[in-house]
Amino acid sequence: MGLRDELLKAIWHAFTALDVDKSGKVSKSQLKVQDNFDRIDFNRMCWTLCARKNLNRNHLLISDDDAFKIWCIFNFLSEDRYPLVMVSEEIEYFLRKQTEAMGGSWIEEKFEEYKLQLSSKHQCLNVWELIELVGMGHFSKGMDRQTLSMGINEVFQELILDVLKQGYMMKKGHKRKNWTERWFLLKPNLISYYASEDLTEKKGDILLDGNCCVESLPDKEGKKCLFYVKCSDKSFEISASDKKKKQEWIQAIQTCITLLKVGRPAPHHEARQKRRELRQKQQAEQEELELRMRELQTANENKQRELEAMRKKLEEAAANAAEEERRRLQTQSELQDLYRVEMDKEKMVRQQMEEQVAQKSSELEQYLQRVRELENMYHRLEEALEEERQARQDEETVRKLQARLLEEEVSKRAELEQIHLYQQETISQTQAEKQELERERLAKESALQSAMQQLQQLEADRRGALEQYEEVMKKLADAANNTKSWKDKVVYHEGLMRLIQPGPKHPQKITNWGPAAFTEKELSLREKDWPLDFTQ
């Protein structure tokens, strides 16, 4: 619920109190507009306007200030519809928190008995009934007024002032570094600390955001249960009274920082929203169930009407059936009377018929004798017809047998013709294959002769090439002999020129004609022609 909705609820109380004639309108002279205002002061102003007219202070165990706080809590927990009421779930939530704040134990059975009394009021209370319920001490029996006031104040601070935790702790100063006891108030976005719990002298604030952190510190300087809150600009060292309080404060501060990081509201705001969503869901389910029940009831009523119509139809059918039965019985009685008259007539006619039968009996005997003779003739005629029929059956059997034999002969002839045709086709196919093979054989022989001719031609070509090769080799040999004799002549006679040939790879001998002028073979031949004294 935003600030606007909260202020609208307070304004609704004030306007309802000012609307004396219940016309839904308030004159301008009764209104006073302020530009700047504090939320608590605004609520107190609206409370003053409506409490003067509606609050009954008789037999109340609480002060006007406590009643004002209950009024603010009612505006916070009431439904967002007018006239404002608080449902039983929120009443239980408020009374349970108040009982826990007073240090008492919540009795579920007692509240269930009270809910049974609320059934006539649709399970809800307005603000003045809630103040009377708490102020009369129905759920705080055995508690004194001071304890009751303290419980109301603690619930008011948590739900309305967003005080998540409060208590005395020691704080270390930033300048003098001394330790001083302060009263701390934890809200969703800051930690305020005061000189005492009466909140008259505020000493400072610790602004919280998503970048803050809270961590435990080891004992030092004679102080125990230390922790510090680190903000963007400075850090604060704080000492709790015991380890339990220290852990509670660390968890509460860390919860606030986490909520600020994710942008979620205070826990009690989120819990109230979840309770409302759950109630809306349950209400929607209840409405859907009621709608289904109404549909079932309508269907049941339709069925009842249909059954009633069927019952009436059955009654009408039963009446019609009774009337038909009465008519049937009447008709049956009339028919019985008519039947008796007819029976009497029939008896008279029977007597006359018996006389006629007696008269006709002799004629009948004669007629029967004639019939017996005709029957004997008929039996003999039947025997003759039976013999003729048997002969016809035998003739038909012989004819069927001849027809069957003829059909078998025809089928055999057809089979033989098929076999004959198959043999002719096989013979013609064999002859065609034989002719094809003969053609292939002739083609292969022709190809073989052609290949033999080509082979003979190749053999003749080979012999010619061999003869040409032998002739060329002979010419080469003659040319070589001519060259050799010509070279010897030139070397022997002139010694000035020779044909250059590749020399051997072994060391060469030098003559007056130069290195490698003769081969070993030529040199040995020349040594034979040299004079003897030259060699020596």
Protein backbone atom coordinates (compact mmCIF):
# COMPACT_ATOMS: atom_id res chain seq x y z
CA MET A 1 0.00 0.00 0.00
CA GLY A 2 1.44 3.36 -1.01
CA LEU A 3 1.34 6.63 0.87
CA ARG A 4 -1.61 7.79 -1.22
CA ASP A 5 -3.79 4.82 -0.24
CA GLU A 6 -2.83 5.20 3.42
CA LEU A 7 -3.74 8.91 3.40
CA LEU A 8 -7.01 8.17 1.57
CA LYS A 9 -8.06 5.83 4.37
CA ALA A 10 -7.36 8.48 7.02
CA ILE A 11 -9.22 11.09 4.96
CA TRP A 12 -12.16 8.69 4.59
CA HIS A 13 -12.47 8.45 8.39
CA ALA A 14 -12.38 12.25 8.69
CA PHE A 15 -14.92 12.84 5.91
CA THR A 16 -17.23 10.18 7.31
CA ALA A 17 -17.14 11.94 10.71
CA LEU A 18 -17.80 15.35 9.10
CA ASP A 19 -20.65 14.01 6.95
CA VAL A 20 -23.29 14.50 9.61
CA ASP A 21 -26.37 14.06 7.41
CA LYS A 22 -24.72 11.11 5.53
CA SER A 23 -25.22 12.81 2.17
CA GLY A 24 -21.70 11.98 0.96
CA LYS A 25 -20.72 15.68 0.89
CA VAL A 26 -18.74 17.94 3.27
CA SER A 27 -18.84 21.75 3.21
CA LYS A 28 -15.66 23.69 2.47
CA SER A 29 -15.88 25.53 5.81
CA GLN A 30 -15.18 22.25 7.60
CA LEU A 31 -11.98 21.56 5.62
CA LYS A 32 -8.52 22.94 6.21
CA VAL A 33 -5.82 22.40 3.58
CA GLN A 34 -2.12 22.15 4.50
CA ASP A 35 0.76 22.19 2.05
CA ASN A 36 3.47 20.56 4.18
CA PHE A 37 2.59 17.96 6.75
CA ASP A 38 3.99 14.97 8.60
CA ARG A 39 2.27 11.65 7.99
CA ILE A 40 1.77 10.94 11.70
CA ASP A 41 0.50 14.49 12.30
CA PHE A 42 -1.89 14.13 9.38
CA ASN A 43 -3.20 10.86 10.74
CA ARG A 44 -3.59 12.40 14.20
CA MET A 45 -5.59 15.28 12.74
CA CYS A 46 -7.95 12.87 10.95
CA TRP A 47 -8.13 10.79 14.13
CA THR A 48 -9.16 13.83 16.14
CA LEU A 49 -11.99 14.55 13.71
CA CYS A 50 -13.43 11.04 13.71
CA ALA A 51 -12.68 9.95 17.32
CA ARG A 52 -14.65 12.84 18.76
CA LYS A 53 -17.81 11.44 17.21
CA ASN A 54 -17.29 7.65 17.17
CA LEU A 55 -14.97 6.65 20.06
CA ASN A 56 -16.71 5.36 23.18
CA ARG A 57 -14.16 5.71 26.01
CA ASN A 58 -16.23 3.94 28.67
CA HIS A 59 -14.70 0.76 30.08
CA LEU A 60 -11.57 1.10 27.90
CA LEU A 61 -8.27 -0.01 29.44
CA ILE A 62 -6.19 1.98 26.96
CA SER A 63 -5.41 5.67 26.52
CA ASP A 64 -6.43 7.88 23.61
CA ASP A 65 -2.87 7.63 22.26
CA ASP A 66 -3.08 3.81 22.25
CA ALA A 67 -6.48 4.03 20.55
CA PHE A 68 -4.91 6.31 17.92
CA LYS A 69 -2.17 3.75 17.32
CA ILE A 70 -4.75 0.98 16.91
CA TRP A 71 -6.59 3.28 14.48
CA CYS A 72 -3.38 3.68 12.41
CA ILE A 73 -2.74 -0.09 12.51
CA PHE A 74 -6.33 -0.66 11.33
CA ASN A 75 -5.75 1.65 8.34
CA PHE A 76 -2.60 -0.31 7.50
CA LEU A 77 -4.19 -3.78 7.71
CA SER A 78 -7.71 -3.00 6.45
CA GLU A 79 -8.90 -3.93 2.95
CA ASP A 80 -8.67 -1.43 0.08
CA ARG A 81 -12.43 -1.03 -0.24
CA TYR A 82 -14.95 1.23 1.43
CA PRO A 83 -16.43 1.23 4.01
CA LEU A 84 -13.14 0.16 5.62
CA VAL A 85 -13.14 -3.18 7.46
CA MET A 86 -10.52 -5.60 8.77
CA VAL A 87 -11.01 -9.26 7.91
CA SER A 88 -10.55 -12.06 10.45
CA GLU A 89 -7.12 -13.09 9.09
CA GLU A 90 -5.71 -9.59 9.68
CA ILE A 91 -7.41 -9.40 13.11
CA GLU A 92 -5.67 -12.65 14.07
CA TYR A 93 -2.35 -11.35 12.70
CA PHE A 94 -2.60 -8.10 14.75
CA LEU A 95 -3.74 -9.80 17.99
CA ARG A 96 -1.03 -12.47 17.64
CA LYS A 97 1.74 -9.84 17.22
CA GLN A 98 0.35 -7.83 20.14
CA THR A 99 0.29 -10.92 22.38
CA GLU A 100 3.88 -11.79 21.40
CA ALA A 101 4.96 -8.18 22.04
CA MET A 102 3.43 -8.36 25.53
CA GLY A 103 5.32 -11.61 26.21
CA GLY A 104 2.17 -13.74 26.35
CA SER A 105 1.25 -16.95 24.56
CA TRP A 106 -1.27 -17.02 21.73
CA ILE A 107 -4.34 -19.20 22.35
CA GLU A 108 -5.71 -20.40 19.03
CA GLU A 109 -8.87 -21.96 20.48
CA LYS A 110 -9.93 -18.69 22.08
CA PHE A 111 -9.71 -16.81 18.78
CA GLU A 112 -11.62 -19.60 16.98
CA GLU A 113 -14.46 -19.15 19.48
CA TYR A 114 -14.40 -15.41 18.79
CA LYS A 115 -14.52 -16.08 15.00
CA LEU A 116 -17.75 -18.02 15.49
CA GLN A 117 -19.22 -14.83 17.00
CA LEU A 118 -18.02 -12.85 13.97
CA SER A 119 -19.90 -15.09 11.51
CA SER A 120 -22.97 -12.90 11.77
CA LYS A 121 -20.81 -9.87 10.83
CA HIS A 122 -19.24 -11.47 7.76
CA GLN A 123 -15.93 -12.21 9.56
CA CYS A 124 -14.78 -8.56 9.77
CA LEU A 125 -14.66 -5.54 12.13
CA ASN A 126 -14.63 -1.79 11.65
CA VAL A 127 -12.05 0.37 13.40
CA TRP A 128 -14.22 1.25 16.44
CA GLU A 129 -15.10 -2.40 17.04
CA LEU A 130 -11.38 -3.28 16.86
CA ILE A 131 -10.49 -0.52 19.37
CA GLU A 132 -13.21 -1.81 21.68
CA LEU A 133 -11.97 -5.42 21.28
CA VAL A 134 -8.40 -4.47 22.24
CA GLY A 135 -9.38 -1.80 24.77
CA MET A 136 -11.71 -4.12 26.70
CA GLY A 137 -8.83 -6.61 27.10
CA HIS A 138 -10.60 -9.67 25.65
CA PHE A 139 -7.27 -11.18 24.52
CA SER A 140 -5.02 -9.65 27.21
CA LYS A 141 -6.53 -10.90 30.43
CA GLY A 142 -3.99 -10.93 33.24
CA MET A 143 -1.99 -8.08 31.66
CA ASP A 144 -1.80 -4.61 33.25
CA ARG A 145 -2.46 -1.42 31.32
CA GLN A 146 1.23 -0.58 30.97
CA THR A 147 2.03 -3.97 29.40
CA LEU A 148 -0.93 -3.62 27.05
CA SER A 149 0.21 -0.12 26.06
CA MET A 150 3.78 -1.37 25.47
CA GLY A 151 2.51 -4.18 23.22
CA ILE A 152 0.38 -1.76 21.17
CA ASN A 153 3.31 0.67 20.89
CA GLU A 154 5.71 -2.06 19.69
CA VAL A 155 3.28 -3.25 16.99
CA PHE A 156 2.66 0.40 16.00
CA GLN A 157 6.39 1.09 15.66
CA GLU A 158 6.92 -2.02 13.51
CA LEU A 159 3.91 -1.71 11.18
CA ILE A 160 3.45 2.07 10.98
CA LEU A 161 6.86 3.58 11.76
CA ASP A 162 8.71 0.69 10.00
CA VAL A 163 10.89 0.03 13.07
CA LEU A 164 12.26 -3.44 12.41
CA LYS A 165 14.40 -3.63 15.57
CA GLN A 166 15.32 -1.38 18.53
CA GLY A 167 17.39 -1.55 21.70
CA TYR A 168 20.39 -0.24 23.65
CA MET A 169 23.92 -0.84 22.30
CA MET A 170 27.36 0.77 22.71
CA LYS A 171 28.69 2.91 19.84
CA LYS A 172 32.28 4.01 19.27
CA GLY A 173 32.72 7.71 18.49
CA HIS A 174 34.45 8.94 15.36
CA LYS A 175 36.37 11.84 16.98
CA ARG A 176 37.00 10.94 20.62
CA LYS A 177 36.98 7.18 20.02
CA ASN A 178 35.07 6.64 23.24
CA TRP A 179 32.22 4.16 23.74
CA THR A 180 28.75 5.55 24.52
CA GLU A 181 25.46 3.78 25.11
CA ARG A 182 22.79 4.70 22.54
CA TRP A 183 19.23 3.67 21.77
CA PHE A 184 19.18 2.29 18.22
CA LEU A 185 16.17 2.13 15.86
CA LEU A 186 16.48 0.01 12.69
CA LYS A 187 14.30 1.01 9.74
CA PRO A 188 14.37 -0.38 6.18
CA ASN A 189 16.72 2.34 4.89
CA LEU A 190 18.50 3.75 7.96
CA ILE A 191 19.63 3.16 11.54
CA SER A 192 18.85 6.04 13.92
CA TYR A 193 20.46 6.30 17.34
CA TYR A 194 19.26 8.43 20.27
CA ALA A 195 20.51 9.38 23.70
CA SER A 196 17.73 7.33 25.35
CA GLU A 197 14.66 5.32 24.47
CA ASP A 198 12.30 8.25 24.90
CA LEU A 199 13.59 9.46 21.47
CA THR A 200 13.82 13.08 22.60
CA GLU A 201 17.47 13.64 21.61
CA LYS A 202 18.52 12.22 18.28
CA LYS A 203 22.28 11.73 17.88
CA GLY A 204 22.51 10.69 14.24
CA ASP A 205 21.55 8.37 11.39
CA ILE A 206 23.32 5.59 9.54
CA LEU A 207 21.96 5.65 5.98
CA LEU A 208 21.72 2.22 4.42
CA ASP A 209 21.85 1.31 0.72
CA GLY A 210 22.68 -1.69 -1.43
CA ASN A 211 26.45 -0.99 -1.18
CA CYS A 212 26.57 -1.15 2.63
CA CYS A 213 27.74 -4.20 4.50
CA VAL A 214 27.70 -5.47 8.09
CA GLU A 215 30.35 -7.80 9.50
CA SER A 216 31.34 -9.23 12.85
CA LEU A 217 34.51 -8.01 14.64
CA PRO A 218 36.74 -9.76 17.16
CA ASP A 219 36.74 -8.54 20.76
CA LYS A 220 39.08 -5.64 21.41
CA GLU A 221 39.62 -2.70 23.77
CA GLY A 222 37.75 -4.59 26.46
CA LYS A 223 34.58 -4.66 24.36
CA LYS A 224 32.81 -7.84 23.37
CA CYS A 225 30.14 -8.79 20.81
CA LEU A 226 31.44 -6.25 18.31
CA PHE A 227 30.31 -5.67 14.73
CA TYR A 228 30.60 -2.80 12.30
CA VAL A 229 28.40 -1.24 9.64
CA LYS A 230 30.37 -0.09 6.61
CA CYS A 231 28.81 2.62 4.43
CA SER A 232 30.13 4.48 1.41
CA ASP A 233 31.52 7.42 3.45
CA LYS A 234 32.33 5.96 6.89
CA SER A 235 32.08 2.91 9.14
CA PHE A 236 30.41 2.50 12.56
CA GLU A 237 31.63 0.14 15.27
CA ILE A 238 28.91 -1.12 17.62
CA SER A 239 28.94 -3.41 20.66
CA ALA A 240 25.87 -5.48 21.59
CA SER A 241 25.04 -6.66 25.09
CA ASP A 242 25.43 -10.37 24.26
CA LYS A 243 26.12 -12.71 21.36
CA LYS A 244 22.44 -13.39 20.74
CA LYS A 245 21.61 -9.68 20.40
CA LYS A 246 24.69 -9.22 18.22
CA GLN A 247 23.59 -11.97 15.82
CA GLU A 248 20.02 -10.65 15.75
CA TRP A 249 21.18 -7.13 14.86
CA ILE A 250 23.60 -8.39 12.18
CA GLN A 251 20.86 -10.50 10.56
CA ALA A 252 18.30 -7.68 10.73
CA ILE A 253 20.70 -5.13 9.17
CA GLN A 254 21.80 -7.61 6.50
CA THR A 255 18.14 -8.26 5.65
CA CYS A 256 17.54 -4.52 5.16
CA ILE A 257 20.61 -4.22 2.90
CA THR A 258 19.50 -7.23 0.83
CA LEU A 259 16.00 -5.77 0.42
CA LEU A 260 17.49 -2.45 -0.68
CA LYS A 261 19.65 -4.24 -3.26
CA VAL A 262 16.70 -6.00 -4.89
CA GLY A 263 14.30 -3.08 -4.43
CA ARG A 264 11.78 -4.97 -2.28
CA PRO A 265 9.66 -3.35 0.47
CA ALA A 266 9.89 -3.97 4.22
CA PRO A 267 9.07 -7.51 5.37
CA HIS A 268 5.75 -6.61 7.01
CA HIS A 269 4.64 -4.73 3.86
CA GLU A 270 5.54 -7.72 1.69
CA ALA A 271 3.85 -10.13 4.11
CA ARG A 272 0.67 -8.03 4.10
CA GLN A 273 0.68 -7.98 0.28
CA LYS A 274 1.11 -11.76 0.18
CA ARG A 275 -1.77 -12.24 2.64
CA ARG A 276 -3.98 -10.01 0.49
CA GLU A 277 -3.04 -11.85 -2.70
CA LEU A 278 -3.77 -15.15 -0.95
CA ARG A 279 -7.16 -13.85 0.22
CA GLN A 280 -7.95 -12.57 -3.26
CA LYS A 281 -7.00 -15.94 -4.70
CA GLN A 282 -9.12 -17.76 -2.13
CA GLN A 283 -11.98 -15.33 -2.74
CA ALA A 284 -11.74 -15.90 -6.49
CA GLU A 285 -11.73 -19.66 -5.91
CA GLN A 286 -14.69 -19.27 -3.54
CA GLU A 287 -16.57 -17.17 -6.10
CA GLU A 288 -15.79 -19.73 -8.78
CA LEU A 289 -16.99 -22.49 -6.44
CA GLU A 290 -20.16 -20.54 -5.67
CA LEU A 291 -20.71 -19.99 -9.38
CA ARG A 292 -20.31 -23.70 -10.01
CA MET A 293 -22.66 -24.44 -7.09
CA ARG A 294 -25.22 -22.04 -8.55
CA GLU A 295 -24.84 -23.67 -11.94
CA LEU A 296 -25.26 -27.10 -10.34
CA GLN A 297 -28.24 -25.83 -8.36
CA THR A 298 -29.77 -24.39 -11.54
CA ALA A 299 -29.14 -27.67 -13.34
CA ASN A 300 -30.64 -29.53 -10.38
CA GLU A 301 -33.71 -27.30 -10.45
CA ASN A 302 -34.04 -27.89 -14.18
CA LYS A 303 -33.77 -31.63 -13.54
CA GLN A 304 -36.41 -31.32 -10.80
CA ARG A 305 -38.69 -29.47 -13.17
CA GLU A 306 -38.10 -32.08 -15.84
CA LEU A 307 -38.81 -34.87 -13.33
CA GLU A 308 -42.00 -33.07 -12.20
CA ALA A 309 -43.10 -32.73 -15.82
CA MET A 310 -42.33 -36.41 -16.38
CA ARG A 311 -44.28 -37.31 -13.21
CA LYS A 312 -47.27 -35.33 -14.46
CA LYS A 313 -47.00 -37.01 -17.82
CA LEU A 314 -46.84 -40.38 -16.10
CA GLU A 315 -49.91 -39.52 -14.01
CA GLU A 316 -51.73 -38.45 -17.15
CA ALA A 317 -50.60 -41.63 -18.90
CA ALA A 318 -51.78 -43.68 -15.88
CA ALA A 319 -55.17 -41.91 -15.96
CA ASN A 320 -55.43 -42.52 -19.69
CA ALA A 321 -54.46 -46.14 -19.15
CA ALA A 322 -57.13 -46.51 -16.44
CA GLU A 323 -59.71 -44.98 -18.75
CA GLU A 324 -58.63 -47.31 -21.55
CA GLU A 325 -58.84 -50.26 -19.16
CA ARG A 326 -62.36 -49.23 -18.14
CA ARG A 327 -63.38 -48.94 -21.77
CA ARG A 328 -61.73 -52.29 -22.52
CA LEU A 329 -63.61 -53.97 -19.69
CA GLN A 330 -66.87 -52.41 -20.86
CA THR A 331 -66.20 -53.53 -24.42
CA GLN A 332 -65.26 -57.00 -23.15
CA SER A 333 -68.53 -57.23 -21.21
CA GLU A 334 -70.49 -56.22 -24.28
CA LEU A 335 -68.59 -58.73 -26.38
CA GLN A 336 -69.27 -61.51 -23.82
CA ASP A 337 -73.00 -60.77 -23.98
CA LEU A 338 -72.84 -60.79 -27.75
CA TYR A 339 -70.79 -64.02 -27.63
CA ARG A 340 -73.42 -65.74 -25.48
CA VAL A 341 -76.15 -64.76 -27.98
CA GLU A 342 -74.01 -66.05 -30.79
CA MET A 343 -73.32 -69.30 -28.90
CA ASP A 344 -77.05 -69.88 -28.52
CA LYS A 345 -77.53 -69.32 -32.21
CA GLU A 346 -74.60 -71.64 -32.96
CA LYS A 347 -76.15 -74.42 -30.83
CA MET A 348 -79.34 -74.23 -32.85
CA VAL A 349 -77.38 -74.26 -36.09
CA ARG A 350 -75.27 -77.21 -34.79
CA GLN A 351 -78.35 -79.26 -34.12
CA GLN A 352 -79.59 -78.58 -37.61
CA MET A 353 -76.13 -79.46 -38.98
CA GLU A 354 -76.06 -82.73 -37.02
CA GLU A 355 -79.34 -83.72 -38.60
CA GLN A 356 -77.96 -82.86 -42.00
CA VAL A 357 -74.72 -84.73 -41.20
CA ALA A 358 -76.65 -87.82 -40.23
CA GLN A 359 -78.48 -87.57 -43.49
CA LYS A 360 -75.31 -87.05 -45.47
CA SER A 361 -73.31 -89.78 -43.68
CA SER A 362 -74.67 -92.54 -45.92
CA GLU A 363 -73.83 -90.49 -48.95
CA LEU A 364 -70.38 -89.96 -47.48
CA GLU A 365 -69.77 -93.73 -47.13
CA GLN A 366 -70.48 -94.21 -50.79
CA TYR A 367 -68.26 -91.28 -51.63
CA LEU A 368 -65.44 -92.65 -49.48
CA GLN A 369 -65.60 -96.00 -51.21
CA ARG A 370 -65.20 -94.22 -54.53
CA VAL A 371 -62.28 -92.19 -53.07
CA ARG A 372 -60.48 -95.37 -51.91
CA GLU A 373 -60.71 -96.79 -55.39
CA LEU A 374 -59.36 -93.55 -56.83
CA GLU A 375 -56.51 -93.65 -54.27
CA ASN A 376 -55.49 -97.12 -55.36
CA MET A 377 -55.42 -95.99 -58.96
CA TYR A 378 -53.42 -92.94 -57.89
CA HIS A 379 -50.82 -95.11 -56.08
CA ARG A 380 -50.33 -97.30 -59.12
CA LEU A 381 -49.95 -94.23 -61.29
CA GLU A 382 -47.36 -92.79 -58.87
CA GLU A 383 -45.34 -96.04 -59.01
CA ALA A 384 -45.31 -95.90 -62.78
CA LEU A 385 -44.26 -92.25 -62.68
CA GLU A 386 -41.51 -93.09 -60.18
CA GLU A 387 -40.14 -95.83 -62.46
CA GLU A 388 -40.18 -93.40 -65.37
CA ARG A 389 -38.43 -90.71 -63.27
CA GLN A 390 -35.73 -93.21 -62.19
CA ALA A 391 -35.14 -94.17 -65.83
CA ARG A 392 -34.82 -90.50 -66.73
CA GLN A 393 -32.28 -90.00 -63.88
CA ASP A 394 -30.18 -92.96 -65.11
CA GLU A 395 -30.27 -91.57 -68.64
CA GLU A 396 -29.21 -88.13 -67.33
CA THR A 397 -26.34 -89.72 -65.36
CA VAL A 398 -25.07 -91.57 -68.47
CA ARG A 399 -25.35 -88.37 -70.51
CA LYS A 400 -23.36 -86.39 -67.89
CA LEU A 401 -20.68 -89.12 -67.83
CA GLN A 402 -20.37 -89.01 -71.63
CA ALA A 403 -20.16 -85.20 -71.51
CA ARG A 404 -17.44 -85.37 -68.85
CA LEU A 405 -15.44 -87.90 -70.87
CA LEU A 406 -15.83 -85.72 -73.94
CA GLU A 407 -14.60 -82.67 -71.98
CA GLU A 408 -11.59 -84.65 -70.72
CA GLU A 409 -10.78 -85.74 -74.30
CA VAL A 410 -11.05 -82.10 -75.46
CA SER A 411 -8.77 -80.96 -72.66
CA LYS A 412 -6.25 -83.71 -73.47
CA ARG A 413 -6.33 -82.71 -77.18
CA ALA A 414 -5.73 -79.07 -76.15
CA GLU A 415 -2.79 -80.16 -73.97
CA LEU A 416 -1.30 -82.21 -76.80
CA GLU A 417 -1.71 -79.30 -79.19
CA GLN A 418 0.03 -77.03 -76.64
CA ILE A 419 2.87 -79.56 -76.32
CA HIS A 420 3.13 -79.85 -80.10
CA LEU A 421 3.20 -76.07 -80.47
CA TYR A 422 5.84 -75.82 -77.73
CA GLN A 423 7.99 -78.45 -79.48
CA GLN A 424 7.67 -76.60 -82.80
CA GLU A 425 8.61 -73.33 -81.12
CA THR A 426 11.56 -75.06 -79.44
CA ILE A 427 12.72 -76.56 -82.75
CA SER A 428 12.38 -73.22 -84.52
CA GLN A 429 14.23 -71.50 -81.68
CA THR A 430 16.98 -74.16 -81.78
CA GLN A 431 17.35 -73.72 -85.54
CA ALA A 432 17.56 -69.94 -85.11
CA GLU A 433 20.22 -70.41 -82.42
CA LYS A 434 22.10 -72.86 -84.67
CA GLN A 435 22.02 -70.36 -87.57
CA GLU A 436 23.22 -67.63 -85.21
CA LEU A 437 26.08 -69.84 -84.00
CA GLU A 438 26.99 -70.68 -87.60
CA ARG A 439 27.10 -66.99 -88.45
CA GLU A 440 29.26 -66.33 -85.41
CA ARG A 441 31.58 -69.22 -86.39
CA LEU A 442 31.91 -67.87 -89.96
CA ALA A 443 32.57 -64.38 -88.62
CA LYS A 444 35.24 -65.72 -86.27
CA GLU A 445 36.86 -67.76 -89.07
CA SER A 446 36.88 -64.68 -91.29
CA ALA A 447 38.44 -62.68 -88.44
CA LEU A 448 41.01 -65.48 -87.89
CA GLN A 449 41.95 -65.51 -91.57
CA SER A 450 42.28 -61.75 -91.55
CA ALA A 451 44.47 -62.00 -88.42
CA MET A 452 46.60 -64.72 -90.11
CA GLN A 453 47.02 -62.54 -93.15
CA GLN A 454 48.01 -59.62 -90.90
CA LEU A 455 50.45 -61.93 -89.06
CA GLN A 456 51.99 -63.10 -92.36
CA GLN A 457 52.27 -59.50 -93.50
CA LEU A 458 53.96 -58.62 -90.20
CA GLU A 459 56.33 -61.59 -90.60
CA ALA A 460 57.25 -60.45 -94.12
CA ASP A 461 57.71 -56.89 -92.81
CA ARG A 462 59.92 -58.29 -90.03
CA ARG A 463 62.07 -60.26 -92.44
CA GLY A 464 62.42 -57.19 -94.70
CA ALA A 465 63.35 -55.05 -91.70
CA LEU A 466 65.87 -57.71 -90.62
CA GLU A 467 67.42 -57.77 -94.09
CA GLN A 468 67.58 -53.98 -94.06
CA TYR A 469 69.16 -54.14 -90.60
CA GLU A 470 71.80 -56.64 -91.74
CA GLU A 471 72.53 -54.50 -94.82
CA VAL A 472 72.87 -51.38 -92.63
CA MET A 473 75.14 -53.26 -90.19
CA LYS A 474 77.29 -54.38 -93.11
CA LYS A 475 77.53 -50.84 -94.38
CA LEU A 476 78.43 -49.68 -90.87
CA ALA A 477 81.15 -52.31 -90.60
CA ASP A 478 82.55 -51.30 -94.00
CA ALA A 479 82.45 -47.67 -93.01
CA ALA A 480 84.24 -48.47 -89.75
CA ASN A 481 86.97 -50.41 -91.56
CA ASN A 482 87.38 -47.60 -94.07
CA THR A 483 87.61 -45.05 -91.27
CA LYS A 484 90.17 -47.06 -89.40
CA SER A 485 92.42 -47.56 -92.41
CA TRP A 486 92.12 -43.91 -93.30
CA LYS A 487 93.04 -42.87 -89.72
CA ASP A 488 96.06 -45.20 -89.69
CA LYS A 489 97.26 -43.77 -92.91
CA VAL A 490 96.99 -40.23 -91.71
CA VAL A 491 98.71 -40.96 -88.42
CA TYR A 492 101.47 -42.97 -89.97
CA HIS A 493 102.28 -40.64 -92.81
CA GLU A 494 101.64 -37.25 -91.44
CA GLY A 495 101.43 -37.52 -87.64
CA LEU A 496 99.95 -34.05 -87.64
CA MET A 497 96.35 -34.82 -87.13
CA ARG A 498 94.23 -37.54 -85.63
CA LEU A 499 90.73 -38.17 -84.73
CA ILE A 500 89.99 -37.18 -81.18
CA GLN A 501 88.46 -39.97 -79.13
CA PRO A 502 87.69 -40.16 -75.46
CA GLY A 503 90.79 -41.08 -73.50
CA PRO A 504 91.05 -43.70 -70.83
CA LYS A 505 90.60 -42.89 -67.20
CA HIS A 506 94.07 -44.29 -66.19
CA PRO A 507 97.21 -42.01 -66.34
CA GLN A 508 98.11 -41.08 -69.93
CA LYS A 509 101.52 -41.19 -71.52
CA ILE A 510 103.03 -38.09 -73.15
CA THR A 511 104.79 -38.16 -76.57
CA ASN A 512 106.20 -35.47 -78.75
CA TRP A 513 102.81 -35.22 -80.35
CA GLY A 514 101.31 -34.15 -77.03
CA PRO A 515 99.50 -35.85 -74.19
CA ALA A 516 97.18 -38.68 -75.16
CA ALA A 517 98.16 -38.51 -78.82
CA PHE A 518 98.05 -42.32 -79.16
CA THR A 519 96.14 -45.06 -77.53
CA GLU A 520 97.94 -47.93 -75.82
CA LYS A 521 97.21 -50.22 -78.77
CA GLU A 522 98.60 -47.70 -81.32
CA LEU A 523 101.66 -47.08 -79.21
CA SER A 524 102.47 -50.81 -78.98
CA LEU A 525 102.17 -51.10 -82.76
CA ARG A 526 104.56 -48.16 -83.28
CA GLU A 527 107.09 -49.57 -80.82
CA LYS A 528 107.51 -52.56 -83.11
CA ASP A 529 108.56 -50.26 -85.98
CA TRP A 530 110.96 -48.11 -83.95
CA PRO A 531 114.74 -48.57 -84.36
CA LEU A 532 116.45 -50.62 -81.70
CA ASP A 533 118.88 -47.94 -80.58
CA PHE A 534 116.04 -45.48 -80.06
CA THR A 535 114.41 -47.74 -77.56
CA GLN A 536 117.60 -48.08 -75.65
